[in-house]
N, C-alpha and C. Protein backbone atom coordinates (compact mmCIF):
# COMPACT_ATOMS: atom_id res chain seq x y z
N MET A 1 18.93 13.82 -0.34
CA MET A 1 17.56 13.58 -0.74
C MET A 1 16.75 13.19 0.48
N ILE A 2 15.54 13.65 0.54
CA ILE A 2 14.64 13.31 1.65
C ILE A 2 13.53 12.42 1.09
N SER A 3 13.36 11.26 1.70
CA SER A 3 12.39 10.28 1.20
C SER A 3 10.97 10.81 1.14
N GLY A 4 10.58 11.65 2.10
CA GLY A 4 9.20 12.11 2.17
C GLY A 4 8.90 13.33 1.34
N TYR A 5 9.80 13.73 0.44
CA TYR A 5 9.59 14.94 -0.35
C TYR A 5 8.29 14.83 -1.12
N PRO A 6 7.43 15.83 -1.03
CA PRO A 6 6.15 15.76 -1.75
C PRO A 6 6.37 15.88 -3.25
N LYS A 7 5.70 15.07 -4.01
CA LYS A 7 5.84 15.08 -5.47
C LYS A 7 4.92 16.12 -6.12
N GLU A 8 3.88 16.54 -5.43
CA GLU A 8 2.95 17.51 -6.01
C GLU A 8 3.56 18.91 -5.96
N THR A 9 3.10 19.77 -6.86
CA THR A 9 3.54 21.16 -6.88
C THR A 9 2.74 21.95 -5.86
N PHE A 10 3.39 22.81 -5.15
CA PHE A 10 2.70 23.66 -4.19
C PHE A 10 3.40 25.01 -4.17
N SER A 11 2.68 26.02 -3.73
CA SER A 11 3.29 27.35 -3.66
C SER A 11 3.60 27.68 -2.20
N ILE A 12 4.59 28.52 -2.01
CA ILE A 12 4.97 28.97 -0.68
C ILE A 12 4.65 30.46 -0.62
N PRO A 13 3.61 30.85 0.09
CA PRO A 13 3.16 32.24 0.09
C PRO A 13 4.24 33.25 0.49
N THR A 14 5.18 32.86 1.33
CA THR A 14 6.19 33.81 1.80
C THR A 14 7.39 33.91 0.85
N PHE A 15 7.42 33.10 -0.22
CA PHE A 15 8.53 33.14 -1.16
C PHE A 15 8.41 34.36 -2.06
N ASN A 16 9.50 35.13 -2.20
CA ASN A 16 9.51 36.32 -3.04
C ASN A 16 10.02 35.94 -4.43
N PRO A 17 9.15 35.93 -5.47
CA PRO A 17 9.56 35.50 -6.80
C PRO A 17 10.22 36.60 -7.64
N VAL A 18 10.35 37.80 -7.11
CA VAL A 18 10.88 38.92 -7.89
C VAL A 18 12.39 38.74 -8.11
N LEU A 19 12.80 38.82 -9.38
CA LEU A 19 14.21 38.67 -9.74
C LEU A 19 15.06 39.68 -8.99
N GLY A 20 16.14 39.20 -8.39
CA GLY A 20 17.05 40.08 -7.67
C GLY A 20 16.69 40.31 -6.21
N GLN A 21 15.55 39.79 -5.77
CA GLN A 21 15.14 39.96 -4.39
C GLN A 21 15.55 38.74 -3.58
N MET A 22 15.83 38.96 -2.31
CA MET A 22 16.33 37.91 -1.44
C MET A 22 15.20 37.06 -0.84
N ASN A 23 15.48 35.79 -0.67
CA ASN A 23 14.65 34.87 0.11
C ASN A 23 15.56 34.20 1.11
N LYS A 24 15.14 34.16 2.36
CA LYS A 24 15.91 33.49 3.39
C LYS A 24 15.31 32.09 3.59
N VAL A 25 16.13 31.07 3.37
CA VAL A 25 15.68 29.69 3.47
C VAL A 25 16.42 29.02 4.62
N ALA A 26 15.67 28.29 5.44
CA ALA A 26 16.27 27.59 6.58
C ALA A 26 15.72 26.18 6.64
N VAL A 27 16.57 25.26 7.05
CA VAL A 27 16.17 23.86 7.26
C VAL A 27 16.58 23.50 8.68
N VAL A 28 15.63 22.98 9.44
CA VAL A 28 15.93 22.51 10.79
C VAL A 28 15.86 20.99 10.74
N ALA A 29 17.00 20.36 11.02
CA ALA A 29 17.09 18.91 11.01
C ALA A 29 17.34 18.42 12.43
N ARG A 30 16.45 17.56 12.89
CA ARG A 30 16.59 16.94 14.21
C ARG A 30 16.40 15.45 14.05
N ASN A 31 17.49 14.72 14.24
CA ASN A 31 17.47 13.27 14.03
C ASN A 31 17.00 12.98 12.60
N ASN A 32 15.85 12.36 12.42
CA ASN A 32 15.36 12.06 11.08
C ASN A 32 14.21 12.95 10.64
N SER A 33 14.02 14.09 11.30
CA SER A 33 12.93 15.02 11.02
C SER A 33 13.49 16.32 10.41
N PHE A 34 12.84 16.81 9.36
CA PHE A 34 13.27 18.02 8.67
C PHE A 34 12.10 18.99 8.52
N ASP A 35 12.30 20.23 8.93
CA ASP A 35 11.32 21.30 8.74
C ASP A 35 11.97 22.39 7.89
N PHE A 36 11.20 22.96 6.96
CA PHE A 36 11.71 23.96 6.03
C PHE A 36 10.99 25.28 6.26
N TYR A 37 11.77 26.36 6.26
CA TYR A 37 11.25 27.70 6.49
C TYR A 37 11.67 28.61 5.35
N VAL A 38 10.78 29.50 4.92
CA VAL A 38 11.10 30.49 3.90
C VAL A 38 10.70 31.85 4.45
N ASN A 39 11.68 32.75 4.51
CA ASN A 39 11.46 34.10 5.01
C ASN A 39 10.79 34.12 6.38
N GLY A 40 11.28 33.23 7.24
CA GLY A 40 10.82 33.20 8.62
C GLY A 40 9.53 32.47 8.89
N GLN A 41 8.90 31.92 7.85
CA GLN A 41 7.63 31.21 8.03
C GLN A 41 7.80 29.73 7.69
N HIS A 42 7.16 28.89 8.49
CA HIS A 42 7.21 27.44 8.24
C HIS A 42 6.56 27.16 6.89
N ALA A 43 7.28 26.47 6.01
CA ALA A 43 6.78 26.21 4.66
C ALA A 43 6.46 24.75 4.40
N LEU A 44 7.19 23.84 5.06
CA LEU A 44 7.02 22.42 4.76
C LEU A 44 7.58 21.59 5.90
N GLY A 45 6.87 20.52 6.21
CA GLY A 45 7.39 19.59 7.21
C GLY A 45 6.47 19.47 8.41
N PRO A 46 6.83 18.58 9.26
CA PRO A 46 8.07 17.83 9.21
C PRO A 46 8.02 16.71 8.16
N LEU A 47 9.17 16.51 7.53
CA LEU A 47 9.39 15.36 6.66
C LEU A 47 10.34 14.43 7.40
N TYR A 48 10.16 13.15 7.21
CA TYR A 48 10.98 12.17 7.94
C TYR A 48 11.77 11.32 6.96
N ASP A 49 13.04 11.12 7.28
CA ASP A 49 13.90 10.26 6.48
C ASP A 49 14.87 9.57 7.42
N GLY A 50 14.67 8.29 7.64
CA GLY A 50 15.53 7.53 8.53
C GLY A 50 16.55 6.69 7.79
N ASN A 51 16.81 7.02 6.51
CA ASN A 51 17.72 6.21 5.71
C ASN A 51 19.18 6.39 6.07
N PHE A 52 19.56 7.55 6.62
CA PHE A 52 20.97 7.83 6.87
C PHE A 52 21.17 8.33 8.29
N THR A 53 22.33 8.06 8.85
CA THR A 53 22.65 8.56 10.19
C THR A 53 23.60 9.75 10.12
N HIS A 54 24.16 10.01 8.96
CA HIS A 54 25.04 11.16 8.76
C HIS A 54 25.12 11.45 7.25
N GLY A 55 25.67 12.59 6.90
CA GLY A 55 25.78 12.92 5.48
C GLY A 55 26.33 14.31 5.29
N MET A 56 26.05 14.89 4.12
CA MET A 56 26.53 16.21 3.76
C MET A 56 25.34 17.14 3.54
N VAL A 57 25.63 18.44 3.57
CA VAL A 57 24.61 19.45 3.33
C VAL A 57 24.82 19.98 1.92
N GLY A 58 23.74 20.12 1.15
CA GLY A 58 23.82 20.66 -0.20
C GLY A 58 22.56 21.42 -0.54
N VAL A 59 22.63 22.19 -1.60
CA VAL A 59 21.48 22.96 -2.07
C VAL A 59 21.30 22.69 -3.56
N TYR A 60 20.06 22.57 -3.98
CA TYR A 60 19.74 22.26 -5.37
C TYR A 60 18.59 23.15 -5.82
N ALA A 61 18.69 23.74 -6.98
CA ALA A 61 17.61 24.56 -7.52
C ALA A 61 17.32 24.12 -8.94
N THR A 62 16.06 24.14 -9.32
CA THR A 62 15.69 23.74 -10.67
C THR A 62 14.49 24.54 -11.13
N GLY A 63 14.36 24.67 -12.42
CA GLY A 63 13.19 25.29 -13.03
C GLY A 63 12.99 26.75 -12.70
N GLY A 64 11.96 27.29 -13.27
CA GLY A 64 11.57 28.67 -13.03
C GLY A 64 10.12 28.68 -12.65
N VAL A 65 9.34 29.48 -13.32
CA VAL A 65 7.91 29.55 -13.04
C VAL A 65 7.23 28.23 -13.38
N ASN A 66 7.63 27.63 -14.50
CA ASN A 66 7.09 26.34 -14.93
C ASN A 66 8.24 25.34 -15.00
N PRO A 67 8.60 24.70 -13.87
CA PRO A 67 9.77 23.81 -13.85
C PRO A 67 9.68 22.73 -14.92
N GLY A 68 10.80 22.46 -15.51
CA GLY A 68 10.88 21.42 -16.52
C GLY A 68 12.23 21.47 -17.21
N ALA A 69 12.40 20.60 -18.17
CA ALA A 69 13.69 20.48 -18.84
C ALA A 69 14.10 21.75 -19.58
N THR A 70 13.14 22.54 -20.07
CA THR A 70 13.47 23.74 -20.84
C THR A 70 13.49 25.01 -20.00
N GLU A 71 13.06 24.92 -18.77
CA GLU A 71 12.99 26.09 -17.89
C GLU A 71 14.32 26.25 -17.15
N THR A 72 14.79 27.48 -17.00
CA THR A 72 16.05 27.72 -16.30
C THR A 72 15.80 28.45 -15.00
N ALA A 73 16.77 28.38 -14.12
CA ALA A 73 16.71 29.09 -12.84
C ALA A 73 18.06 29.72 -12.60
N ASN A 74 18.08 30.99 -12.22
CA ASN A 74 19.29 31.67 -11.80
C ASN A 74 19.23 31.80 -10.29
N VAL A 75 20.21 31.21 -9.61
CA VAL A 75 20.19 31.19 -8.16
C VAL A 75 21.55 31.62 -7.64
N VAL A 76 21.55 32.48 -6.63
CA VAL A 76 22.78 32.91 -5.97
C VAL A 76 22.60 32.64 -4.49
N PHE A 77 23.59 32.00 -3.88
CA PHE A 77 23.55 31.72 -2.46
C PHE A 77 24.63 32.54 -1.78
N SER A 78 24.31 33.09 -0.62
CA SER A 78 25.31 33.80 0.18
C SER A 78 25.01 33.59 1.66
N ASN A 79 26.02 33.76 2.45
CA ASN A 79 25.88 33.63 3.90
C ASN A 79 25.34 32.27 4.34
N ALA A 80 25.73 31.22 3.63
CA ALA A 80 25.29 29.88 4.02
C ALA A 80 25.99 29.48 5.30
N ARG A 81 25.22 28.97 6.25
CA ARG A 81 25.78 28.56 7.53
C ARG A 81 25.16 27.25 7.98
N VAL A 82 25.96 26.46 8.66
CA VAL A 82 25.48 25.23 9.29
C VAL A 82 26.01 25.24 10.72
N TRP A 83 25.15 24.94 11.66
CA TRP A 83 25.62 24.87 13.05
C TRP A 83 24.91 23.74 13.76
N GLN A 84 25.51 23.32 14.85
CA GLN A 84 25.00 22.21 15.64
C GLN A 84 24.75 22.71 17.05
N GLN A 85 23.62 22.34 17.60
CA GLN A 85 23.30 22.77 18.98
C GLN A 85 23.78 21.75 19.95
């Protein structure tokens, strides 16, 4: 979890919402700074979270067009990679 996550809804112009189409998502983490990219374009950040000095990497998806308890999301991940410079 990132402490600075925005609570408001926003759209990402480079996100492809078409079912079955690929979206490339990247997160660049440097110390306590996080930048998010979708399909090669900066989408969000930097967000800062100084709560942890180490942890695990995970992915979470929720909702569909109108996120909520009754909305579902079908998500497939492939070619996930993590590397350190």
